[in-house]
Structure formats: structure tokens, C-alpha cells
Amino acid sequence: MATKMATREVELEPLDRLEEKLKRLVALVDHMKSEQARASEENQRLKGEIDALRSRASSADSLTAEIASLRSERDVIRGRVGEMLQQIEALNL
């Protein structure tokens, strides 16, 4: 009977190791799931930031175009004012 008991303990030892490995595997899978959830949340946050930055870049592009237009307009006005000053000077008043 003692031999059967010792044999049973020897047979259960691999099962105990398997059980421990399965527990570690389940813990690892749980950890990976939580990491994936965190990564997904971070991904969503970064997508929001990218959208905001794209919007700002678009706004900056339109402002750059407006600045270029205003500078061009300023140059035209300078030229016209210069012509008017020359005409006034030509009057010798």
C-alpha cells in the first residue's frame, strides 16, 4: 500500500507542475489583456492628438496663405502711395 501511495504522489507531481504552469499562463494572459487595453486607450488618445494637430496645421496653412495675401496687398498699396507721393512732389506746392 505504501508503494501505491508513493507511486500516486510521483504521478501527481507532473500534474502539480502542469497546474502551476497553467496558473502562470492564465496570469500572463490576464496581464497581456490589460496591457492591450492600456495600449488601445493610448492609441485612441494619440489619435485624438493627431486630429487636433492636423486641425492646427490646416489652420496654420490658411493663416500662412492669408499672410502672403496681406503682404502682397501691402506691397501694392506701398507702390500706389509711392506713386501718389511722386505726383504730389511733381506739383511743387
N, C-alpha and C. Protein backbone atom coordinates (compact mmCIF):
# COMPACT_ATOMS: atom_id res chain seq x y z
N MET A 1 0.80 -1.18 0.00
CA MET A 1 0.00 0.00 0.00
C MET A 1 0.85 1.26 0.00
N ALA A 2 1.94 1.23 0.73
CA ALA A 2 2.86 2.35 0.78
C ALA A 2 3.44 2.61 -0.60
N THR A 3 3.67 1.54 -1.34
CA THR A 3 4.21 1.68 -2.68
C THR A 3 3.20 2.37 -3.59
N LYS A 4 1.92 1.97 -3.44
CA LYS A 4 0.88 2.62 -4.25
C LYS A 4 0.78 4.10 -3.90
N MET A 5 0.90 4.45 -2.62
CA MET A 5 0.80 5.82 -2.18
C MET A 5 1.98 6.63 -2.73
N ALA A 6 3.17 6.08 -2.68
CA ALA A 6 4.36 6.75 -3.21
C ALA A 6 4.25 6.91 -4.71
N THR A 7 3.73 5.91 -5.39
CA THR A 7 3.55 5.98 -6.83
C THR A 7 2.54 7.06 -7.20
N ARG A 8 1.46 7.16 -6.40
CA ARG A 8 0.45 8.19 -6.65
C ARG A 8 1.03 9.58 -6.49
N GLU A 9 1.87 9.79 -5.47
CA GLU A 9 2.50 11.09 -5.26
C GLU A 9 3.42 11.42 -6.42
N VAL A 10 4.14 10.42 -6.92
CA VAL A 10 5.03 10.63 -8.06
C VAL A 10 4.21 10.95 -9.29
N GLU A 11 3.08 10.30 -9.47
CA GLU A 11 2.22 10.56 -10.63
C GLU A 11 1.57 11.94 -10.54
N LEU A 12 1.29 12.41 -9.35
CA LEU A 12 0.65 13.71 -9.16
C LEU A 12 1.62 14.87 -9.31
N GLU A 13 2.89 14.61 -9.13
CA GLU A 13 3.89 15.66 -9.23
C GLU A 13 3.87 16.34 -10.59
N PRO A 14 3.85 15.62 -11.71
CA PRO A 14 3.76 16.29 -13.01
C PRO A 14 2.45 17.09 -13.15
N LEU A 15 1.38 16.60 -12.57
CA LEU A 15 0.12 17.33 -12.62
C LEU A 15 0.21 18.64 -11.84
N ASP A 16 0.88 18.59 -10.70
CA ASP A 16 1.07 19.80 -9.91
C ASP A 16 1.88 20.83 -10.68
N ARG A 17 2.93 20.37 -11.36
CA ARG A 17 3.75 21.28 -12.17
C ARG A 17 2.93 21.85 -13.32
N LEU A 18 2.13 21.00 -13.94
CA LEU A 18 1.26 21.45 -15.03
C LEU A 18 0.26 22.49 -14.53
N GLU A 19 -0.31 22.23 -13.36
CA GLU A 19 -1.26 23.17 -12.78
C GLU A 19 -0.59 24.52 -12.51
N GLU A 20 0.61 24.48 -12.00
CA GLU A 20 1.35 25.72 -11.72
C GLU A 20 1.64 26.47 -13.02
N LYS A 21 2.04 25.75 -14.04
CA LYS A 21 2.31 26.37 -15.33
C LYS A 21 1.04 26.99 -15.92
N LEU A 22 -0.08 26.29 -15.77
CA LEU A 22 -1.34 26.82 -16.27
C LEU A 22 -1.74 28.10 -15.52
N LYS A 23 -1.51 28.11 -14.21
CA LYS A 23 -1.82 29.30 -13.42
C LYS A 23 -0.96 30.48 -13.88
N ARG A 24 0.33 30.22 -14.13
CA ARG A 24 1.20 31.28 -14.62
C ARG A 24 0.78 31.75 -16.00
N LEU A 25 0.34 30.80 -16.83
CA LEU A 25 -0.12 31.15 -18.17
C LEU A 25 -1.37 32.02 -18.10
N VAL A 26 -2.30 31.66 -17.23
CA VAL A 26 -3.52 32.45 -17.08
C VAL A 26 -3.16 33.85 -16.59
N ALA A 27 -2.24 33.96 -15.64
CA ALA A 27 -1.81 35.27 -15.14
C ALA A 27 -1.16 36.08 -16.26
N LEU A 28 -0.37 35.42 -17.08
CA LEU A 28 0.28 36.10 -18.20
C LEU A 28 -0.75 36.60 -19.20
N VAL A 29 -1.74 35.78 -19.50
CA VAL A 29 -2.78 36.18 -20.44
C VAL A 29 -3.56 37.38 -19.88
N ASP A 30 -3.88 37.35 -18.58
CA ASP A 30 -4.57 38.48 -17.95
C ASP A 30 -3.73 39.75 -18.05
N HIS A 31 -2.45 39.61 -17.79
CA HIS A 31 -1.54 40.75 -17.88
C HIS A 31 -1.51 41.30 -19.31
N MET A 32 -1.43 40.40 -20.29
CA MET A 32 -1.38 40.83 -21.68
C MET A 32 -2.68 41.52 -22.09
N LYS A 33 -3.81 41.04 -21.58
CA LYS A 33 -5.10 41.68 -21.88
C LYS A 33 -5.14 43.09 -21.31
N SER A 34 -4.66 43.26 -20.10
CA SER A 34 -4.66 44.60 -19.51
C SER A 34 -3.70 45.52 -20.26
N GLU A 35 -2.56 44.99 -20.67
CA GLU A 35 -1.62 45.78 -21.46
C GLU A 35 -2.23 46.17 -22.80
N GLN A 36 -2.96 45.25 -23.41
CA GLN A 36 -3.61 45.56 -24.69
C GLN A 36 -4.67 46.64 -24.50
N ALA A 37 -5.42 46.57 -23.41
CA ALA A 37 -6.43 47.59 -23.14
C ALA A 37 -5.77 48.96 -22.94
N ARG A 38 -4.66 48.99 -22.20
CA ARG A 38 -3.94 50.25 -22.00
C ARG A 38 -3.39 50.78 -23.33
N ALA A 39 -2.86 49.89 -24.13
CA ALA A 39 -2.32 50.31 -25.44
C ALA A 39 -3.44 50.84 -26.33
N SER A 40 -4.59 50.22 -26.27
CA SER A 40 -5.73 50.68 -27.06
C SER A 40 -6.17 52.08 -26.61
N GLU A 41 -6.23 52.30 -25.30
CA GLU A 41 -6.58 53.62 -24.78
C GLU A 41 -5.55 54.67 -25.20
N GLU A 42 -4.29 54.31 -25.11
CA GLU A 42 -3.22 55.22 -25.52
C GLU A 42 -3.32 55.52 -27.01
N ASN A 43 -3.65 54.51 -27.79
CA ASN A 43 -3.82 54.68 -29.23
C ASN A 43 -4.95 55.67 -29.52
N GLN A 44 -6.07 55.53 -28.82
CA GLN A 44 -7.20 56.45 -29.01
C GLN A 44 -6.81 57.87 -28.61
N ARG A 45 -6.08 58.00 -27.52
CA ARG A 45 -5.65 59.33 -27.07
C ARG A 45 -4.73 59.96 -28.11
N LEU A 46 -3.80 59.17 -28.64
CA LEU A 46 -2.87 59.69 -29.64
C LEU A 46 -3.58 60.04 -30.95
N LYS A 47 -4.59 59.25 -31.31
CA LYS A 47 -5.38 59.59 -32.50
C LYS A 47 -6.06 60.94 -32.32
N GLY A 48 -6.57 61.18 -31.12
CA GLY A 48 -7.18 62.49 -30.83
C GLY A 48 -6.18 63.62 -30.95
N GLU A 49 -4.98 63.39 -30.43
CA GLU A 49 -3.93 64.40 -30.54
C GLU A 49 -3.55 64.64 -32.00
N ILE A 50 -3.47 63.57 -32.77
CA ILE A 50 -3.13 63.72 -34.20
C ILE A 50 -4.20 64.54 -34.91
N ASP A 51 -5.47 64.25 -34.62
CA ASP A 51 -6.55 65.02 -35.24
C ASP A 51 -6.46 66.49 -34.87
N ALA A 52 -6.17 66.77 -33.59
CA ALA A 52 -6.04 68.16 -33.15
C ALA A 52 -4.86 68.84 -33.84
N LEU A 53 -3.75 68.12 -33.98
CA LEU A 53 -2.58 68.70 -34.64
C LEU A 53 -2.83 68.93 -36.13
N ARG A 54 -3.56 68.02 -36.75
CA ARG A 54 -3.90 68.21 -38.17
C ARG A 54 -4.77 69.45 -38.33
N SER A 55 -5.70 69.64 -37.41
CA SER A 55 -6.56 70.81 -37.47
C SER A 55 -5.74 72.08 -37.31
N ARG A 56 -4.80 72.06 -36.35
CA ARG A 56 -3.94 73.23 -36.15
C ARG A 56 -3.06 73.48 -37.38
N ALA A 57 -2.56 72.42 -37.99
CA ALA A 57 -1.72 72.57 -39.17
C ALA A 57 -2.52 73.17 -40.32
N SER A 58 -3.76 72.72 -40.46
CA SER A 58 -4.63 73.26 -41.50
C SER A 58 -4.90 74.74 -41.25
N SER A 59 -5.15 75.07 -40.00
CA SER A 59 -5.37 76.46 -39.64
C SER A 59 -4.13 77.29 -39.91
N ALA A 60 -2.97 76.74 -39.59
CA ALA A 60 -1.71 77.45 -39.83
C ALA A 60 -1.49 77.65 -41.33
N ASP A 61 -1.85 76.65 -42.13
CA ASP A 61 -1.71 76.79 -43.59
C ASP A 61 -2.59 77.91 -44.11
N SER A 62 -3.82 77.98 -43.62
CA SER A 62 -4.72 79.03 -44.10
C SER A 62 -4.22 80.40 -43.62
N LEU A 63 -3.65 80.46 -42.40
CA LEU A 63 -3.10 81.72 -41.92
C LEU A 63 -1.88 82.14 -42.72
N THR A 64 -1.07 81.17 -43.10
CA THR A 64 0.10 81.47 -43.93
C THR A 64 -0.32 82.04 -45.28
N ALA A 65 -1.36 81.45 -45.85
CA ALA A 65 -1.87 81.95 -47.13
C ALA A 65 -2.43 83.36 -46.96
N GLU A 66 -3.13 83.61 -45.86
CA GLU A 66 -3.68 84.93 -45.61
C GLU A 66 -2.58 85.96 -45.42
N ILE A 67 -1.52 85.58 -44.71
CA ILE A 67 -0.38 86.48 -44.50
C ILE A 67 0.27 86.82 -45.84
N ALA A 68 0.44 85.83 -46.69
CA ALA A 68 1.04 86.07 -48.01
C ALA A 68 0.16 87.03 -48.81
N SER A 69 -1.15 86.85 -48.74
CA SER A 69 -2.07 87.73 -49.46
C SER A 69 -1.99 89.15 -48.91
N LEU A 70 -1.94 89.29 -47.59
CA LEU A 70 -1.86 90.63 -46.98
C LEU A 70 -0.54 91.31 -47.32
N ARG A 71 0.54 90.55 -47.36
CA ARG A 71 1.83 91.14 -47.73
C ARG A 71 1.81 91.63 -49.18
N SER A 72 1.21 90.84 -50.03
CA SER A 72 1.10 91.24 -51.43
C SER A 72 0.27 92.51 -51.55
N GLU A 73 -0.83 92.55 -50.81
CA GLU A 73 -1.70 93.73 -50.81
C GLU A 73 -0.95 94.95 -50.28
N ARG A 74 -0.15 94.74 -49.23
CA ARG A 74 0.65 95.83 -48.65
C ARG A 74 1.63 96.37 -49.68
N ASP A 75 2.26 95.48 -50.44
CA ASP A 75 3.21 95.92 -51.47
C ASP A 75 2.52 96.75 -52.55
N VAL A 76 1.32 96.34 -52.92
CA VAL A 76 0.56 97.10 -53.92
C VAL A 76 0.23 98.48 -53.38
N ILE A 77 -0.21 98.53 -52.12
CA ILE A 77 -0.56 99.81 -51.50
C ILE A 77 0.68 100.70 -51.39
N ARG A 78 1.82 100.12 -51.01
CA ARG A 78 3.07 100.90 -50.95
C ARG A 78 3.39 101.52 -52.30
N GLY A 79 3.25 100.71 -53.33
CA GLY A 79 3.54 101.20 -54.68
C GLY A 79 2.61 102.35 -55.07
N ARG A 80 1.36 102.21 -54.75
CA ARG A 80 0.39 103.27 -55.10
C ARG A 80 0.63 104.53 -54.30
N VAL A 81 0.95 104.37 -53.00
CA VAL A 81 1.25 105.54 -52.16
C VAL A 81 2.52 106.22 -52.68
N GLY A 82 3.49 105.43 -53.07
CA GLY A 82 4.73 105.99 -53.63
C GLY A 82 4.45 106.80 -54.89
N GLU A 83 3.58 106.27 -55.75
CA GLU A 83 3.21 107.00 -56.98
C GLU A 83 2.50 108.30 -56.63
N MET A 84 1.60 108.26 -55.64
CA MET A 84 0.88 109.47 -55.23
C MET A 84 1.85 110.51 -54.67
N LEU A 85 2.82 110.06 -53.88
CA LEU A 85 3.81 110.99 -53.32
C LEU A 85 4.64 111.63 -54.44
N GLN A 86 4.97 110.87 -55.46
CA GLN A 86 5.72 111.42 -56.59
C GLN A 86 4.88 112.44 -57.34
N GLN A 87 3.59 112.16 -57.49
CA GLN A 87 2.70 113.12 -58.18
C GLN A 87 2.58 114.40 -57.38
N ILE A 88 2.48 114.28 -56.03
CA ILE A 88 2.37 115.48 -55.18
C ILE A 88 3.68 116.26 -55.27
N GLU A 89 4.77 115.57 -55.27
CA GLU A 89 6.07 116.22 -55.37
C GLU A 89 6.23 116.94 -56.70
N ALA A 90 5.67 116.38 -57.73
CA ALA A 90 5.76 116.96 -59.06
C ALA A 90 4.95 118.25 -59.16
N LEU A 91 3.97 118.40 -58.29
CA LEU A 91 3.14 119.60 -58.31
C LEU A 91 3.89 120.83 -57.79
N ASN A 92 4.97 120.63 -57.08
CA ASN A 92 5.79 121.72 -56.50
C ASN A 92 4.95 122.67 -55.67
N LEU A 93 4.20 122.15 -54.76
CA LEU A 93 3.39 123.02 -53.91
C LEU A 93 4.15 123.49 -52.73
